[in-house]
Amino acid sequence: QVQLVDTGGGLVQAGGSLRLSCAASGRTLRSYAMGWFRQGPGKEREFVAGISWSGVSTYYADSVKGRFTITRDNTKNTLDLQMNSLKPEDTAVYYCAARASFITKTTPYSAIDYWGQGTQVTVSS
């Protein structure tokens, strides 16, 4: 079992930055691909970013590419998402995710093995 705790959400103005973090406990994250999904008001949960177990490969939704950066530290069992140039349409609950195989832009949320509890990000215009 893996327990994930998301932190770092908040209220920010458009153009601002936030950094989300995910701390894992239980089994080591080293054998899991990690990622971030988000769910906006009235929308389905959608892929935001993914990273391979080694950290070598990263994947981004087209809507966040060039603005968001996903990183992981397997020695600390943590996952981060640096979000820059935030837009009102980035407003959503953001969820940390772990999967035993891979997480890319085509991975449906139904395929995820473990979820964090979610953290609210609100971007004001």
N, C-alpha and C. Protein backbone atom coordinates (compact mmCIF):
# COMPACT_ATOMS: atom_id res chain seq x y z
N GLN A 1 0.83 -1.20 0.00
CA GLN A 1 0.00 0.00 0.00
C GLN A 1 0.86 1.25 0.00
N VAL A 2 0.38 2.27 -0.68
CA VAL A 2 1.05 3.56 -0.73
C VAL A 2 0.06 4.63 -0.28
N GLN A 3 0.49 5.47 0.64
CA GLN A 3 -0.34 6.60 1.05
C GLN A 3 0.30 7.88 0.52
N LEU A 4 -0.50 8.71 -0.12
CA LEU A 4 -0.02 9.95 -0.72
C LEU A 4 -0.72 11.15 -0.08
N VAL A 5 0.06 12.16 0.26
CA VAL A 5 -0.49 13.38 0.86
C VAL A 5 -0.06 14.58 0.02
N ASP A 6 -1.06 15.27 -0.53
CA ASP A 6 -0.79 16.44 -1.37
C ASP A 6 -0.82 17.70 -0.53
N THR A 7 0.11 18.60 -0.81
CA THR A 7 0.12 19.91 -0.14
C THR A 7 0.55 20.98 -1.14
N GLY A 8 0.34 22.24 -0.75
CA GLY A 8 0.87 23.34 -1.53
C GLY A 8 -0.14 24.15 -2.32
N GLY A 9 -1.38 23.74 -2.31
CA GLY A 9 -2.37 24.51 -3.05
C GLY A 9 -2.65 25.85 -2.40
N GLY A 10 -3.43 26.68 -3.08
CA GLY A 10 -3.77 27.99 -2.53
C GLY A 10 -4.38 28.89 -3.57
N LEU A 11 -4.48 30.16 -3.21
CA LEU A 11 -5.05 31.19 -4.09
C LEU A 11 -3.91 32.05 -4.63
N VAL A 12 -3.90 32.24 -5.93
CA VAL A 12 -2.85 33.03 -6.56
C VAL A 12 -3.45 33.82 -7.71
N GLN A 13 -2.85 34.95 -8.02
CA GLN A 13 -3.32 35.75 -9.14
C GLN A 13 -2.78 35.17 -10.45
N ALA A 14 -3.48 35.46 -11.53
CA ALA A 14 -3.02 35.03 -12.84
C ALA A 14 -1.60 35.53 -13.09
N GLY A 15 -0.78 34.66 -13.65
CA GLY A 15 0.62 34.98 -13.87
C GLY A 15 1.54 34.58 -12.74
N GLY A 16 0.95 34.20 -11.62
CA GLY A 16 1.73 33.83 -10.45
C GLY A 16 2.19 32.38 -10.50
N SER A 17 2.81 31.94 -9.40
CA SER A 17 3.37 30.59 -9.32
C SER A 17 2.94 29.91 -8.03
N LEU A 18 2.89 28.59 -8.10
CA LEU A 18 2.66 27.75 -6.93
C LEU A 18 3.48 26.49 -7.10
N ARG A 19 3.83 25.87 -5.97
CA ARG A 19 4.54 24.61 -6.01
C ARG A 19 3.75 23.60 -5.19
N LEU A 20 3.33 22.53 -5.84
CA LEU A 20 2.63 21.44 -5.16
C LEU A 20 3.63 20.36 -4.78
N SER A 21 3.38 19.72 -3.65
CA SER A 21 4.23 18.62 -3.22
C SER A 21 3.36 17.42 -2.85
N CYS A 22 3.94 16.25 -3.00
CA CYS A 22 3.26 15.01 -2.65
C CYS A 22 4.25 14.16 -1.85
N ALA A 23 3.87 13.81 -0.65
CA ALA A 23 4.71 12.97 0.20
C ALA A 23 4.10 11.57 0.28
N ALA A 24 4.94 10.59 0.10
CA ALA A 24 4.46 9.21 0.11
C ALA A 24 4.95 8.47 1.34
N SER A 25 4.12 7.58 1.82
CA SER A 25 4.51 6.69 2.91
C SER A 25 4.02 5.29 2.57
N GLY A 26 4.51 4.34 3.31
CA GLY A 26 4.18 2.96 2.98
C GLY A 26 5.30 2.38 2.13
N ARG A 27 4.98 1.88 1.00
CA ARG A 27 5.99 1.31 0.13
C ARG A 27 6.79 2.42 -0.55
N THR A 28 8.01 2.12 -0.93
CA THR A 28 8.84 3.09 -1.62
C THR A 28 8.22 3.42 -2.98
N LEU A 29 8.42 4.69 -3.39
CA LEU A 29 7.89 5.12 -4.67
C LEU A 29 8.79 4.72 -5.84
N ARG A 30 9.93 4.16 -5.51
CA ARG A 30 10.94 3.94 -6.54
C ARG A 30 10.43 3.06 -7.68
N SER A 31 9.47 2.19 -7.41
CA SER A 31 8.99 1.29 -8.46
C SER A 31 7.71 1.79 -9.12
N TYR A 32 7.30 3.02 -8.80
CA TYR A 32 6.06 3.56 -9.34
C TYR A 32 6.32 4.77 -10.24
N ALA A 33 5.58 4.83 -11.33
CA ALA A 33 5.48 6.09 -12.07
C ALA A 33 4.58 7.01 -11.26
N MET A 34 4.84 8.31 -11.34
CA MET A 34 4.06 9.27 -10.57
C MET A 34 3.47 10.32 -11.51
N GLY A 35 2.49 11.02 -11.02
CA GLY A 35 1.91 12.06 -11.86
C GLY A 35 0.97 12.96 -11.10
N TRP A 36 0.48 13.94 -11.80
CA TRP A 36 -0.53 14.86 -11.27
C TRP A 36 -1.73 14.89 -12.22
N PHE A 37 -2.90 14.83 -11.64
CA PHE A 37 -4.15 15.02 -12.37
C PHE A 37 -4.87 16.20 -11.73
N ARG A 38 -5.86 16.72 -12.42
CA ARG A 38 -6.65 17.79 -11.83
C ARG A 38 -8.11 17.65 -12.25
N GLN A 39 -8.97 18.22 -11.42
CA GLN A 39 -10.40 18.19 -11.71
C GLN A 39 -10.99 19.56 -11.43
N GLY A 40 -11.37 20.23 -12.50
CA GLY A 40 -11.98 21.54 -12.38
C GLY A 40 -13.48 21.42 -12.11
N PRO A 41 -14.13 22.52 -11.75
CA PRO A 41 -15.57 22.50 -11.47
C PRO A 41 -16.37 21.97 -12.66
N GLY A 42 -17.15 20.95 -12.43
CA GLY A 42 -17.99 20.40 -13.47
C GLY A 42 -17.26 19.64 -14.56
N LYS A 43 -15.99 19.33 -14.32
CA LYS A 43 -15.19 18.64 -15.34
C LYS A 43 -14.73 17.28 -14.86
N GLU A 44 -14.31 16.45 -15.81
CA GLU A 44 -13.72 15.16 -15.45
C GLU A 44 -12.28 15.37 -15.00
N ARG A 45 -11.79 14.42 -14.21
CA ARG A 45 -10.40 14.47 -13.80
C ARG A 45 -9.52 14.26 -15.03
N GLU A 46 -8.50 15.10 -15.18
CA GLU A 46 -7.66 15.04 -16.37
C GLU A 46 -6.18 14.99 -16.01
N PHE A 47 -5.43 14.39 -16.90
CA PHE A 47 -3.97 14.30 -16.76
C PHE A 47 -3.34 15.68 -16.85
N VAL A 48 -2.34 15.94 -16.00
CA VAL A 48 -1.58 17.18 -16.04
C VAL A 48 -0.11 16.90 -16.39
N ALA A 49 0.52 16.01 -15.62
CA ALA A 49 1.94 15.71 -15.83
C ALA A 49 2.25 14.34 -15.28
N GLY A 50 3.25 13.68 -15.88
CA GLY A 50 3.68 12.37 -15.42
C GLY A 50 5.20 12.27 -15.46
N ILE A 51 5.74 11.37 -14.65
CA ILE A 51 7.19 11.17 -14.59
C ILE A 51 7.47 9.70 -14.35
N SER A 52 8.47 9.18 -15.05
CA SER A 52 8.81 7.77 -14.90
C SER A 52 9.41 7.50 -13.53
N TRP A 53 9.54 6.20 -13.18
CA TRP A 53 10.05 5.85 -11.86
C TRP A 53 11.44 6.39 -11.65
N SER A 54 12.24 6.48 -12.71
CA SER A 54 13.63 6.96 -12.60
C SER A 54 13.72 8.47 -12.63
N GLY A 55 12.66 9.13 -13.10
CA GLY A 55 12.71 10.57 -13.25
C GLY A 55 13.26 11.03 -14.59
N VAL A 56 13.68 10.10 -15.41
CA VAL A 56 14.31 10.46 -16.68
C VAL A 56 13.27 10.97 -17.69
N SER A 57 12.11 10.34 -17.71
CA SER A 57 11.08 10.71 -18.70
C SER A 57 9.95 11.49 -18.04
N THR A 58 9.57 12.57 -18.69
CA THR A 58 8.44 13.38 -18.20
C THR A 58 7.44 13.61 -19.32
N TYR A 59 6.20 13.81 -18.94
CA TYR A 59 5.11 13.98 -19.90
C TYR A 59 4.20 15.10 -19.39
N TYR A 60 3.67 15.88 -20.32
CA TYR A 60 2.82 17.00 -19.93
C TYR A 60 1.60 17.10 -20.84
N ALA A 61 0.51 17.54 -20.26
CA ALA A 61 -0.64 17.91 -21.08
C ALA A 61 -0.26 19.13 -21.90
N ASP A 62 -0.82 19.23 -23.08
CA ASP A 62 -0.50 20.35 -23.96
C ASP A 62 -0.82 21.69 -23.29
N SER A 63 -1.84 21.71 -22.47
CA SER A 63 -2.28 22.95 -21.85
C SER A 63 -1.31 23.50 -20.81
N VAL A 64 -0.39 22.65 -20.31
CA VAL A 64 0.53 23.12 -19.27
C VAL A 64 1.99 23.05 -19.70
N LYS A 65 2.25 22.51 -20.87
CA LYS A 65 3.62 22.35 -21.34
C LYS A 65 4.31 23.71 -21.43
N GLY A 66 5.51 23.77 -20.89
CA GLY A 66 6.26 25.02 -20.89
C GLY A 66 6.00 25.89 -19.67
N ARG A 67 4.96 25.57 -18.91
CA ARG A 67 4.63 26.34 -17.71
C ARG A 67 4.80 25.52 -16.43
N PHE A 68 4.53 24.23 -16.50
CA PHE A 68 4.62 23.34 -15.34
C PHE A 68 5.83 22.43 -15.47
N THR A 69 6.42 22.09 -14.32
CA THR A 69 7.55 21.16 -14.30
C THR A 69 7.34 20.14 -13.19
N ILE A 70 7.41 18.87 -13.55
CA ILE A 70 7.25 17.78 -12.58
C ILE A 70 8.62 17.21 -12.24
N THR A 71 8.86 16.98 -10.95
CA THR A 71 10.11 16.40 -10.49
C THR A 71 9.82 15.42 -9.36
N ARG A 72 10.76 14.53 -9.11
CA ARG A 72 10.61 13.59 -8.02
C ARG A 72 11.95 13.36 -7.34
N ASP A 73 11.89 12.98 -6.08
CA ASP A 73 13.09 12.65 -5.31
C ASP A 73 12.83 11.30 -4.66
N ASN A 74 13.38 10.25 -5.23
CA ASN A 74 13.12 8.91 -4.72
C ASN A 74 13.78 8.66 -3.36
N THR A 75 14.79 9.43 -3.02
CA THR A 75 15.43 9.26 -1.71
C THR A 75 14.54 9.81 -0.59
N LYS A 76 13.71 10.79 -0.94
CA LYS A 76 12.82 11.39 0.05
C LYS A 76 11.37 10.94 -0.13
N ASN A 77 11.11 10.14 -1.16
CA ASN A 77 9.75 9.70 -1.46
C ASN A 77 8.81 10.87 -1.69
N THR A 78 9.25 11.83 -2.49
CA THR A 78 8.42 13.01 -2.75
C THR A 78 8.29 13.28 -4.24
N LEU A 79 7.22 13.98 -4.56
CA LEU A 79 6.91 14.39 -5.94
C LEU A 79 6.51 15.86 -5.89
N ASP A 80 6.99 16.66 -6.81
CA ASP A 80 6.66 18.08 -6.85
C ASP A 80 6.11 18.47 -8.21
N LEU A 81 5.34 19.54 -8.21
CA LEU A 81 4.87 20.15 -9.45
C LEU A 81 5.03 21.66 -9.32
N GLN A 82 5.99 22.21 -10.05
CA GLN A 82 6.18 23.65 -10.08
C GLN A 82 5.29 24.22 -11.16
N MET A 83 4.42 25.14 -10.78
CA MET A 83 3.46 25.72 -11.71
C MET A 83 3.74 27.21 -11.84
N ASN A 84 4.11 27.63 -13.03
CA ASN A 84 4.40 29.03 -13.32
C ASN A 84 3.38 29.57 -14.33
N SER A 85 3.33 30.89 -14.43
CA SER A 85 2.44 31.55 -15.39
C SER A 85 1.02 31.00 -15.30
N LEU A 86 0.52 30.91 -14.10
CA LEU A 86 -0.78 30.30 -13.89
C LEU A 86 -1.90 31.11 -14.53
N LYS A 87 -2.91 30.39 -14.99
CA LYS A 87 -4.06 31.00 -15.66
C LYS A 87 -5.33 30.63 -14.91
N PRO A 88 -6.38 31.42 -15.03
CA PRO A 88 -7.64 31.08 -14.36
C PRO A 88 -8.13 29.68 -14.71
N GLU A 89 -7.88 29.23 -15.93
CA GLU A 89 -8.32 27.90 -16.34
C GLU A 89 -7.53 26.77 -15.68
N ASP A 90 -6.49 27.10 -14.94
CA ASP A 90 -5.75 26.10 -14.17
C ASP A 90 -6.44 25.82 -12.83
N THR A 91 -7.46 26.59 -12.51
CA THR A 91 -8.19 26.40 -11.26
C THR A 91 -8.79 25.00 -11.21
N ALA A 92 -8.46 24.26 -10.16
CA ALA A 92 -8.92 22.87 -10.03
C ALA A 92 -8.42 22.30 -8.71
N VAL A 93 -8.92 21.13 -8.38
CA VAL A 93 -8.31 20.33 -7.32
C VAL A 93 -7.25 19.46 -7.99
N TYR A 94 -6.05 19.51 -7.47
CA TYR A 94 -4.93 18.76 -8.03
C TYR A 94 -4.66 17.52 -7.17
N TYR A 95 -4.48 16.39 -7.86
CA TYR A 95 -4.29 15.12 -7.19
C TYR A 95 -2.95 14.49 -7.59
N CYS A 96 -2.21 14.07 -6.61
CA CYS A 96 -1.01 13.27 -6.84
C CYS A 96 -1.45 11.84 -7.16
N ALA A 97 -0.72 11.18 -8.05
CA ALA A 97 -1.10 9.84 -8.48
C ALA A 97 0.12 8.94 -8.59
N ALA A 98 -0.08 7.66 -8.33
CA ALA A 98 0.99 6.67 -8.48
C ALA A 98 0.44 5.45 -9.21
N ARG A 99 1.29 4.90 -10.08
CA ARG A 99 0.87 3.73 -10.85
C ARG A 99 2.07 2.82 -11.02
N ALA A 100 1.84 1.53 -10.94
CA ALA A 100 2.94 0.57 -11.00
C ALA A 100 3.60 0.52 -12.37
N SER A 101 2.93 0.97 -13.44
CA SER A 101 3.55 0.91 -14.77
C SER A 101 3.98 2.30 -15.24
N PHE A 102 3.15 3.03 -15.93
CA PHE A 102 3.54 4.33 -16.44
C PHE A 102 2.35 5.29 -16.36
N ILE A 103 2.66 6.58 -16.38
CA ILE A 103 1.63 7.62 -16.43
C ILE A 103 2.02 8.61 -17.50
N THR A 104 1.27 8.61 -18.59
CA THR A 104 1.52 9.54 -19.69
C THR A 104 0.23 10.29 -19.99
N LYS A 105 0.26 11.12 -21.01
CA LYS A 105 -0.90 11.94 -21.34
C LYS A 105 -2.09 11.11 -21.80
N THR A 106 -1.87 9.84 -22.15
CA THR A 106 -2.99 8.99 -22.57
C THR A 106 -3.49 8.07 -21.45
N THR A 107 -2.92 8.19 -20.25
CA THR A 107 -3.33 7.33 -19.13
C THR A 107 -4.64 7.84 -18.55
N PRO A 108 -5.68 7.02 -18.55
CA PRO A 108 -6.95 7.46 -17.97
C PRO A 108 -6.88 7.44 -16.44
N TYR A 109 -7.67 8.26 -15.80
CA TYR A 109 -7.61 8.32 -14.34
C TYR A 109 -8.06 6.98 -13.73
N SER A 110 -8.84 6.22 -14.46
CA SER A 110 -9.29 4.93 -13.95
C SER A 110 -8.15 3.92 -13.82
N ALA A 111 -7.01 4.20 -14.45
CA ALA A 111 -5.88 3.27 -14.42
C ALA A 111 -4.93 3.52 -13.26
N ILE A 112 -5.15 4.57 -12.51
CA ILE A 112 -4.25 4.93 -11.41
C ILE A 112 -4.44 4.00 -10.22
N ASP A 113 -3.31 3.61 -9.60
CA ASP A 113 -3.35 2.70 -8.46
C ASP A 113 -3.60 3.42 -7.14
N TYR A 114 -2.97 4.58 -6.96
CA TYR A 114 -3.09 5.31 -5.69
C TYR A 114 -3.28 6.80 -5.96
N TRP A 115 -4.08 7.42 -5.09
CA TRP A 115 -4.36 8.85 -5.19
C TRP A 115 -4.04 9.57 -3.89
N GLY A 116 -3.61 10.83 -4.04
CA GLY A 116 -3.57 11.70 -2.89
C GLY A 116 -4.97 12.23 -2.62
N GLN A 117 -5.12 12.99 -1.54
CA GLN A 117 -6.45 13.47 -1.17
C GLN A 117 -6.86 14.71 -1.96
N GLY A 118 -5.92 15.32 -2.65
CA GLY A 118 -6.21 16.50 -3.45
C GLY A 118 -5.91 17.79 -2.73
N THR A 119 -5.50 18.79 -3.49
CA THR A 119 -5.24 20.12 -2.94
C THR A 119 -5.80 21.16 -3.92
N GLN A 120 -6.50 22.16 -3.38
CA GLN A 120 -7.19 23.14 -4.21
C GLN A 120 -6.23 24.21 -4.71
N VAL A 121 -6.28 24.46 -6.00
CA VAL A 121 -5.54 25.57 -6.61
C VAL A 121 -6.57 26.50 -7.25
N THR A 122 -6.53 27.77 -6.84
CA THR A 122 -7.46 28.76 -7.39
C THR A 122 -6.65 29.92 -7.96
N VAL A 123 -6.88 30.21 -9.23
CA VAL A 123 -6.17 31.29 -9.91
C VAL A 123 -7.18 32.37 -10.25
N SER A 124 -6.97 33.55 -9.70
CA SER A 124 -7.89 34.66 -9.93
C SER A 124 -7.41 35.51 -11.10
N SER A 125 -8.36 36.07 -11.81
CA SER A 125 -8.00 36.87 -13.00
C SER A 125 -7.78 38.33 -12.63
